[in-house]
Amino acid sequence: MAKKIDEKQKLNFALGRENYKLLAIGFAIIVAGFLLMLGGKSDDPNVFSDKIFSFRRITLAPIVVLAGFVFEIWAIMKKPKED
């Protein structure tokens, strides 16, 4: 009897399996946002490039990263389903 209780306590994580999957998805969203920020450098270091001020880098990427962090908070706070 004591052995079953020890096994059950060992498998008792703070979050459920679904929560960890959602955390992985949120992490992928954050990484995608940072990948959207990449680029925009000039080929010649003596010439300024306006590519760094594109909509993708200035507006879209930070919104995606912020959405990823909000998704992470939701994934942590989501109540796991009882089996």
C-alpha atoms as a PDB file:
ATOM      1  CA  MET A   1       0.000   0.000   0.000  1.00  0.00           C
ATOM      2  CA  ALA A   2       2.788   2.412   0.897  1.00  0.00           C
ATOM      3  CA  LYS A   3       4.501   1.639  -2.382  1.00  0.00           C
ATOM      4  CA  LYS A   4       1.477   2.794  -4.409  1.00  0.00           C
ATOM      5  CA  ILE A   5       1.305   6.074  -2.498  1.00  0.00           C
ATOM      6  CA  ASP A   6       5.011   6.747  -3.119  1.00  0.00           C
ATOM      7  CA  GLU A   7       4.603   6.109  -6.856  1.00  0.00           C
ATOM      8  CA  LYS A   8       1.571   8.378  -7.006  1.00  0.00           C
ATOM      9  CA  GLN A   9       3.380  11.196  -5.173  1.00  0.00           C
ATOM     10  CA  LYS A  10       6.406  10.834  -7.448  1.00  0.00           C
ATOM     11  CA  LEU A  11       4.232  11.405 -10.545  1.00  0.00           C
ATOM     12  CA  ASN A  12       2.413  14.389  -9.058  1.00  0.00           C
ATOM     13  CA  PHE A  13       3.781  17.429 -10.912  1.00  0.00           C
ATOM     14  CA  ALA A  14       2.827  21.027 -10.243  1.00  0.00           C
ATOM     15  CA  LEU A  15       1.207  21.332 -13.674  1.00  0.00           C
ATOM     16  CA  GLY A  16      -0.602  18.881 -15.876  1.00  0.00           C
ATOM     17  CA  ARG A  17       0.621  17.380 -19.131  1.00  0.00           C
ATOM     18  CA  GLU A  18      -1.541  19.791 -21.136  1.00  0.00           C
ATOM     19  CA  ASN A  19      -0.003  22.770 -19.333  1.00  0.00           C
ATOM     20  CA  TYR A  20       3.497  21.701 -20.307  1.00  0.00           C
ATOM     21  CA  LYS A  21       2.437  21.323 -23.932  1.00  0.00           C
ATOM     22  CA  LEU A  22       0.948  24.820 -23.843  1.00  0.00           C
ATOM     23  CA  LEU A  23       4.164  26.161 -22.298  1.00  0.00           C
ATOM     24  CA  ALA A  24       6.144  24.662 -25.190  1.00  0.00           C
ATOM     25  CA  ILE A  25       3.782  26.302 -27.685  1.00  0.00           C
ATOM     26  CA  GLY A  26       4.172  29.653 -25.905  1.00  0.00           C
ATOM     27  CA  PHE A  27       7.944  29.304 -25.997  1.00  0.00           C
ATOM     28  CA  ALA A  28       7.774  28.637 -29.750  1.00  0.00           C
ATOM     29  CA  ILE A  29       5.665  31.792 -30.216  1.00  0.00           C
ATOM     30  CA  ILE A  30       8.255  33.857 -28.323  1.00  0.00           C
ATOM     31  CA  VAL A  31      11.099  32.404 -30.397  1.00  0.00           C
ATOM     32  CA  ALA A  32       9.142  33.150 -33.591  1.00  0.00           C
ATOM     33  CA  GLY A  33       8.764  36.770 -32.461  1.00  0.00           C
ATOM     34  CA  PHE A  34      12.482  37.125 -31.884  1.00  0.00           C
ATOM     35  CA  LEU A  35      13.185  35.533 -35.265  1.00  0.00           C
ATOM     36  CA  LEU A  36      10.943  38.169 -36.854  1.00  0.00           C
ATOM     37  CA  MET A  37      13.233  40.836 -35.367  1.00  0.00           C
ATOM     38  CA  LEU A  38      16.306  39.458 -37.139  1.00  0.00           C
ATOM     39  CA  GLY A  39      17.943  41.151 -40.085  1.00  0.00           C
ATOM     40  CA  GLY A  40      17.991  44.667 -41.406  1.00  0.00           C
ATOM     41  CA  LYS A  41      21.725  45.178 -41.348  1.00  0.00           C
ATOM     42  CA  SER A  42      23.477  47.105 -44.068  1.00  0.00           C
ATOM     43  CA  ASP A  43      25.851  45.389 -46.482  1.00  0.00           C
ATOM     44  CA  ASP A  44      28.268  48.293 -46.141  1.00  0.00           C
ATOM     45  CA  PRO A  45      29.009  49.381 -42.542  1.00  0.00           C
ATOM     46  CA  ASN A  46      29.540  52.979 -43.697  1.00  0.00           C
ATOM     47  CA  VAL A  47      26.037  53.241 -45.161  1.00  0.00           C
ATOM     48  CA  PHE A  48      22.924  53.466 -42.984  1.00  0.00           C
ATOM     49  CA  SER A  49      20.100  51.107 -43.912  1.00  0.00           C
ATOM     50  CA  ASP A  50      16.436  51.946 -43.327  1.00  0.00           C
ATOM     51  CA  LYS A  51      15.579  48.223 -43.330  1.00  0.00           C
ATOM     52  CA  ILE A  52      15.719  48.174 -39.528  1.00  0.00           C
ATOM     53  CA  PHE A  53      12.605  50.344 -39.410  1.00  0.00           C
ATOM     54  CA  SER A  54      10.339  47.911 -41.247  1.00  0.00           C
ATOM     55  CA  PHE A  55       6.847  47.113 -39.972  1.00  0.00           C
ATOM     56  CA  ARG A  56       7.890  43.532 -39.253  1.00  0.00           C
ATOM     57  CA  ARG A  57      10.732  44.508 -36.909  1.00  0.00           C
ATOM     58  CA  ILE A  58       9.205  47.548 -35.207  1.00  0.00           C
ATOM     59  CA  THR A  59       5.566  46.507 -34.800  1.00  0.00           C
ATOM     60  CA  LEU A  60       4.809  42.889 -35.643  1.00  0.00           C
ATOM     61  CA  ALA A  61       7.686  41.163 -33.824  1.00  0.00           C
ATOM     62  CA  PRO A  62       7.160  42.879 -30.439  1.00  0.00           C
ATOM     63  CA  ILE A  63       3.433  42.120 -30.602  1.00  0.00           C
ATOM     64  CA  VAL A  64       4.184  38.444 -31.308  1.00  0.00           C
ATOM     65  CA  VAL A  65       6.663  38.281 -28.403  1.00  0.00           C
ATOM     66  CA  LEU A  66       4.185  39.954 -26.051  1.00  0.00           C
ATOM     67  CA  ALA A  67       1.457  37.562 -27.184  1.00  0.00           C
ATOM     68  CA  GLY A  68       3.820  34.679 -26.452  1.00  0.00           C
ATOM     69  CA  PHE A  69       4.397  35.896 -22.907  1.00  0.00           C
ATOM     70  CA  VAL A  70       0.661  36.356 -22.333  1.00  0.00           C
ATOM     71  CA  PHE A  71       0.120  32.833 -23.682  1.00  0.00           C
ATOM     72  CA  GLU A  72       2.768  31.526 -21.244  1.00  0.00           C
ATOM     73  CA  ILE A  73       0.991  33.149 -18.299  1.00  0.00           C
ATOM     74  CA  TRP A  74      -2.313  31.646 -19.430  1.00  0.00           C
ATOM     75  CA  ALA A  75      -0.665  28.217 -19.853  1.00  0.00           C
ATOM     76  CA  ILE A  76       0.611  28.341 -16.268  1.00  0.00           C
ATOM     77  CA  MET A  77      -2.680  29.566 -14.816  1.00  0.00           C
ATOM     78  CA  LYS A  78      -4.899  27.129 -16.766  1.00  0.00           C
ATOM     79  CA  LYS A  79      -6.398  24.551 -14.463  1.00  0.00           C
ATOM     80  CA  PRO A  80      -5.365  21.032 -15.495  1.00  0.00           C
ATOM     81  CA  LYS A  81      -8.138  18.616 -16.316  1.00  0.00           C
ATOM     82  CA  GLU A  82      -8.909  16.035 -13.670  1.00  0.00           C
ATOM     83  CA  ASP A  83      -8.679  12.420 -14.878  1.00  0.00           C
END
